[in-house]
Amino acid sequence: MLRGIVFDMDGVIINSHPTHRKAWQEFLGTLGRAVSEYDLDFILEGRKRQDILRHFLGEMSGVELEEYGKRKNEFFQKIAEEVAPVSGLLEFLQDLEQCGMPAAVATSASEHRTRFTLERLDLARYFQVVVTGDDVVEGKPNPAIYQLAAQRMNLRVEHLLALEDAPRGVEAATSAGIRCVGVADDSKAKSLRQAGAELVIADFTGLSVRALEQVLAAQEASASRSFT
C-alpha cells in the first residue's frame, strides 16, 4: 500500500539539466578546464557535488571542495531563472496534499541549492522531508539517501515510491527496497527500466495519485502472473 512518495530533484521536480550543465561548464571554464557536452553527461547521473568536482579537477582537500562547491552554486544561482518545475508537477503535488500523502525529496544536490530551488519555486511547503547529498557519506547508487528519507518520514520502505530520472538513482531506490518510477523521455526509458524502474512517465501531466496506484497495481499483478 502506497503511503508516501520520494522525489529526486533534478530532472524530476525541476527541468534543470540544461541549466545545471551550463553552470558546470562555465564554472569549470574559469578554472581552465574545458569540457565537452559528452563529458558533462557525468553530472546528470545523481552524483554528489564532491564526486563531480573530484572527477573533473582531481583530489582536493575538504576546504577546497567546500570553496569550489560554493563557487559552482553561484554560477547556478545566476541562471536559476531558467529553471522551471516539470510539467504537471504542481498539480500532482496538490493532489498528494489533498490525499494526505506525505512527500519527500532525496537528491544528491547540496542542501543550499536544494533549499534555494524549492523556495524560489514556492514548492518547499509540499515536502515534509528533504534529504540532500550533504546528509549522506556516499551518494547514489548507494541506498543511504533513500533509507534516510524513509527513516525521517517514519514510513517502511515497502510503503514508499521513488521517482527518479537516472539509472543510478533508480538503483539507489530499489537497493533500499523502494519501488521506483522513472521520469524521462523515450530516449532514457530503456535504461531506467533496465535499472529497475517499474514504469517510466514523461512528466506529471494529467497524473493523479489514484491513477498512479492503479498502474502500479496492474504492473505488480502482471509481474506476479509471469512467475506462476
Protein backbone atom coordinates (compact mmCIF):
# COMPACT_ATOMS: atom_id res chain seq x y z
CA MET A 1 0.00 0.00 0.00
CA LEU A 2 1.41 3.36 -1.07
CA ARG A 3 1.77 5.79 1.85
CA GLY A 4 4.41 8.26 0.66
CA ILE A 5 6.41 9.40 -2.34
CA VAL A 6 10.08 10.36 -2.51
CA PHE A 7 11.15 12.66 -5.34
CA ASP A 8 14.59 13.15 -6.79
CA MET A 9 15.04 16.84 -7.63
CA ASP A 10 16.99 17.49 -10.85
CA GLY A 11 15.04 16.13 -13.80
CA VAL A 12 12.07 15.07 -11.66
CA ILE A 13 10.92 18.13 -9.72
CA ILE A 14 12.63 20.65 -11.99
CA ASN A 15 13.77 20.77 -15.62
CA SER A 16 17.25 21.73 -14.51
CA HIS A 17 19.58 19.60 -16.63
CA PRO A 18 20.36 22.22 -19.32
CA THR A 19 20.93 24.89 -16.65
CA HIS A 20 22.94 22.51 -14.49
CA ARG A 21 25.19 21.64 -17.45
CA LYS A 22 25.65 25.32 -18.31
CA ALA A 23 26.59 26.23 -14.73
CA TRP A 24 29.16 23.45 -14.50
CA GLN A 25 30.62 24.27 -17.91
CA GLU A 26 31.02 27.96 -17.07
CA PHE A 27 32.42 27.24 -13.61
CA LEU A 28 34.96 24.73 -14.90
CA GLY A 29 35.90 27.16 -17.66
CA THR A 30 37.02 29.70 -15.04
CA LEU A 31 39.48 27.08 -13.82
CA GLY A 32 40.85 26.43 -17.30
CA ARG A 33 39.05 23.10 -17.61
CA ALA A 34 37.28 22.84 -20.97
CA VAL A 35 34.67 20.09 -21.02
CA SER A 36 32.61 18.72 -23.89
CA GLU A 37 28.89 18.05 -23.90
CA TYR A 38 29.76 14.35 -23.69
CA ASP A 39 31.93 14.95 -20.62
CA LEU A 40 29.05 16.82 -18.96
CA ASP A 41 26.84 13.74 -19.12
CA PHE A 42 28.71 12.70 -15.96
CA ILE A 43 26.91 15.32 -13.88
CA LEU A 44 23.43 14.01 -14.72
CA GLU A 45 23.73 10.64 -13.01
CA GLY A 46 22.72 11.65 -9.50
CA ARG A 47 26.25 12.09 -8.21
CA LYS A 48 27.19 14.25 -5.23
CA ARG A 49 28.83 17.58 -5.94
CA GLN A 50 32.07 16.44 -4.30
CA ASP A 51 32.29 13.44 -6.63
CA ILE A 52 31.75 15.66 -9.68
CA LEU A 53 34.42 18.09 -8.53
CA ARG A 54 36.92 15.28 -8.00
CA HIS A 55 36.07 13.77 -11.38
CA PHE A 56 36.90 16.96 -13.26
CA LEU A 57 39.54 18.51 -11.01
CA GLY A 58 41.21 15.61 -9.21
CA GLU A 59 41.69 15.00 -5.50
CA MET A 60 41.43 18.01 -3.21
CA SER A 61 41.03 18.90 0.44
CA GLY A 62 37.74 19.33 2.23
CA VAL A 63 38.30 23.10 2.34
CA GLU A 64 38.84 23.20 -1.43
CA LEU A 65 35.74 21.08 -2.04
CA GLU A 66 33.68 23.49 0.03
CA GLU A 67 35.08 26.56 -1.69
CA TYR A 68 34.69 25.20 -5.21
CA GLY A 69 31.20 23.97 -4.36
CA LYS A 70 30.15 27.46 -3.28
CA ARG A 71 31.59 28.98 -6.43
CA LYS A 72 29.73 26.49 -8.63
CA ASN A 73 26.48 27.27 -6.79
CA GLU A 74 26.98 30.95 -7.54
CA PHE A 75 27.03 30.16 -11.25
CA PHE A 76 23.84 28.13 -10.90
CA GLN A 77 22.03 30.86 -8.98
CA LYS A 78 22.88 33.47 -11.65
CA ILE A 79 20.92 31.49 -14.23
CA ALA A 80 18.36 29.88 -11.90
CA GLU A 81 15.53 31.84 -13.51
CA GLU A 82 15.83 29.42 -16.43
CA VAL A 83 14.75 26.51 -14.20
CA ALA A 84 11.06 25.60 -14.03
CA PRO A 85 9.07 22.72 -12.48
CA VAL A 86 8.49 19.63 -14.60
CA SER A 87 5.18 19.80 -16.46
CA GLY A 88 2.22 18.82 -14.29
CA LEU A 89 4.26 18.66 -11.09
CA LEU A 90 2.37 21.32 -9.14
CA GLU A 91 -1.00 19.70 -9.83
CA PHE A 92 0.37 16.31 -8.81
CA LEU A 93 1.79 17.73 -5.56
CA GLN A 94 -1.56 19.36 -4.82
CA ASP A 95 -3.28 16.02 -5.39
CA LEU A 96 -0.82 14.38 -2.98
CA GLU A 97 -1.60 17.04 -0.41
CA GLN A 98 -5.34 16.54 -0.80
CA CYS A 99 -4.89 12.78 -0.34
CA GLY A 100 -2.93 13.40 2.85
CA MET A 101 0.06 11.54 1.42
CA PRO A 102 3.46 12.85 2.57
CA ALA A 103 6.19 13.73 0.08
CA ALA A 104 9.95 13.90 0.44
CA VAL A 105 12.94 14.99 -1.60
CA ALA A 106 16.02 12.75 -1.86
CA THR A 107 18.61 14.50 -4.01
CA SER A 108 22.35 14.36 -4.45
CA ALA A 109 22.37 18.16 -4.74
CA SER A 110 23.71 20.24 -1.86
CA GLU A 111 21.35 21.40 0.87
CA HIS A 112 21.91 25.04 -0.07
CA ARG A 113 20.97 24.55 -3.73
CA THR A 114 18.05 22.28 -2.86
CA ARG A 115 16.51 24.73 -0.37
CA PHE A 116 17.18 27.67 -2.67
CA THR A 117 15.47 25.92 -5.58
CA LEU A 118 12.41 24.70 -3.67
CA GLU A 119 11.85 28.07 -2.02
CA ARG A 120 12.35 30.08 -5.22
CA LEU A 121 9.72 27.98 -6.98
CA ASP A 122 7.39 28.03 -3.94
CA LEU A 123 7.49 24.23 -3.69
CA ALA A 124 9.07 23.77 -0.25
CA ARG A 125 5.71 23.57 1.54
CA TYR A 126 4.79 20.39 -0.31
CA PHE A 127 7.72 18.37 1.07
CA GLN A 128 7.69 17.29 4.70
CA VAL A 129 11.19 15.78 4.45
CA VAL A 130 14.22 16.93 2.47
CA VAL A 131 17.36 14.79 2.29
CA THR A 132 20.35 16.06 0.32
CA GLY A 133 23.82 14.96 -0.64
CA ASP A 134 25.12 16.77 2.45
CA ASP A 135 23.25 14.31 4.67
CA VAL A 136 24.98 11.13 3.48
CA VAL A 137 28.56 9.98 3.08
CA GLU A 138 28.00 8.07 -0.16
CA GLY A 139 25.81 9.27 -3.00
CA LYS A 140 23.60 7.31 -5.34
CA PRO A 141 23.56 4.42 -6.29
CA ASN A 142 24.26 3.78 -2.61
CA PRO A 143 20.82 3.37 -0.95
CA ALA A 144 21.68 5.52 2.10
CA ILE A 145 19.85 8.63 0.89
CA TYR A 146 16.60 6.70 0.41
CA GLN A 147 16.99 4.81 3.66
CA LEU A 148 17.37 8.14 5.46
CA ALA A 149 14.34 9.58 3.70
CA ALA A 150 12.21 6.61 4.81
CA GLN A 151 13.52 6.97 8.35
CA ARG A 152 12.69 10.69 8.50
CA MET A 153 9.25 10.07 7.00
CA ASN A 154 8.69 7.38 9.62
CA LEU A 155 7.49 5.00 6.92
CA ARG A 156 8.51 1.49 5.93
CA VAL A 157 10.34 1.29 2.60
CA GLU A 158 7.74 -1.08 1.15
CA HIS A 159 5.12 1.65 1.59
CA LEU A 160 7.11 4.22 -0.41
CA LEU A 161 7.54 5.02 -4.08
CA ALA A 162 10.57 6.79 -5.56
CA LEU A 163 10.55 8.99 -8.65
CA GLU A 164 13.90 9.12 -10.44
CA ASP A 165 15.32 10.23 -13.79
CA ALA A 166 18.71 8.46 -13.77
CA PRO A 167 19.71 4.78 -13.58
CA ARG A 168 21.95 5.39 -10.56
CA GLY A 169 19.00 6.93 -8.75
CA VAL A 170 16.74 4.02 -9.64
CA GLU A 171 19.39 1.61 -8.34
CA ALA A 172 19.66 3.58 -5.10
CA ALA A 173 15.90 3.43 -4.52
CA THR A 174 15.46 -0.23 -5.38
CA SER A 175 18.53 -1.20 -3.33
CA ALA A 176 16.78 0.45 -0.37
CA GLY A 177 13.73 -1.70 -1.03
CA ILE A 178 11.65 1.12 -2.53
CA ARG A 179 9.67 0.68 -5.74
CA CYS A 180 10.61 3.19 -8.42
CA VAL A 181 9.01 5.02 -11.32
CA GLY A 182 11.22 6.70 -13.89
CA VAL A 183 10.61 10.25 -15.13
CA ALA A 184 12.20 10.75 -18.53
CA ASP A 185 11.63 10.91 -22.26
CA ASP A 186 11.73 7.89 -24.56
CA SER A 187 15.49 8.17 -25.09
CA LYS A 188 16.16 7.26 -21.43
CA ALA A 189 13.22 4.96 -20.75
CA LYS A 190 15.04 1.73 -21.61
CA SER A 191 18.00 2.42 -19.32
CA LEU A 192 15.66 3.32 -16.43
CA ARG A 193 13.70 0.10 -16.83
CA GLN A 194 16.92 -1.91 -17.01
CA ALA A 195 17.99 -0.27 -13.74
CA GLY A 196 14.76 -1.39 -12.06
CA ALA A 197 12.06 1.22 -12.78
CA GLU A 198 8.65 -0.44 -12.97
CA LEU A 199 7.21 2.31 -15.13
CA VAL A 200 8.51 5.37 -16.97
CA ILE A 201 6.49 8.57 -17.39
CA ALA A 202 7.45 11.60 -19.47
CA ASP A 203 6.16 14.07 -16.86
CA PHE A 204 3.26 14.54 -14.41
CA THR A 205 0.71 15.98 -16.83
CA GLY A 206 -2.73 14.55 -16.05
CA LEU A 207 -1.32 12.19 -13.41
CA SER A 208 -3.15 11.63 -10.13
CA VAL A 209 -2.21 9.58 -7.08
CA ARG A 210 -5.10 7.22 -7.70
CA ALA A 211 -4.14 6.68 -11.34
CA LEU A 212 -0.53 6.04 -10.36
CA GLU A 213 -1.59 3.50 -7.74
CA GLN A 214 -3.79 1.71 -10.29
CA VAL A 215 -0.99 1.47 -12.85
CA LEU A 216 1.48 0.18 -10.25
CA ALA A 217 -1.04 -2.39 -9.02
CA ALA A 218 -1.53 -3.59 -12.60
CA GLN A 219 2.24 -3.80 -13.06
CA GLU A 220 2.59 -5.82 -9.88
CA ALA A 221 -0.22 -8.18 -10.87
CA SER A 222 1.35 -8.69 -14.28
CA ALA A 223 4.72 -9.44 -12.75
CA SER A 224 3.15 -11.95 -10.35
CA ARG A 225 1.44 -13.78 -13.21
CA SER A 226 4.70 -14.04 -15.12
CA PHE A 227 6.20 -16.06 -12.26
CA THR A 228 3.31 -18.52 -11.95
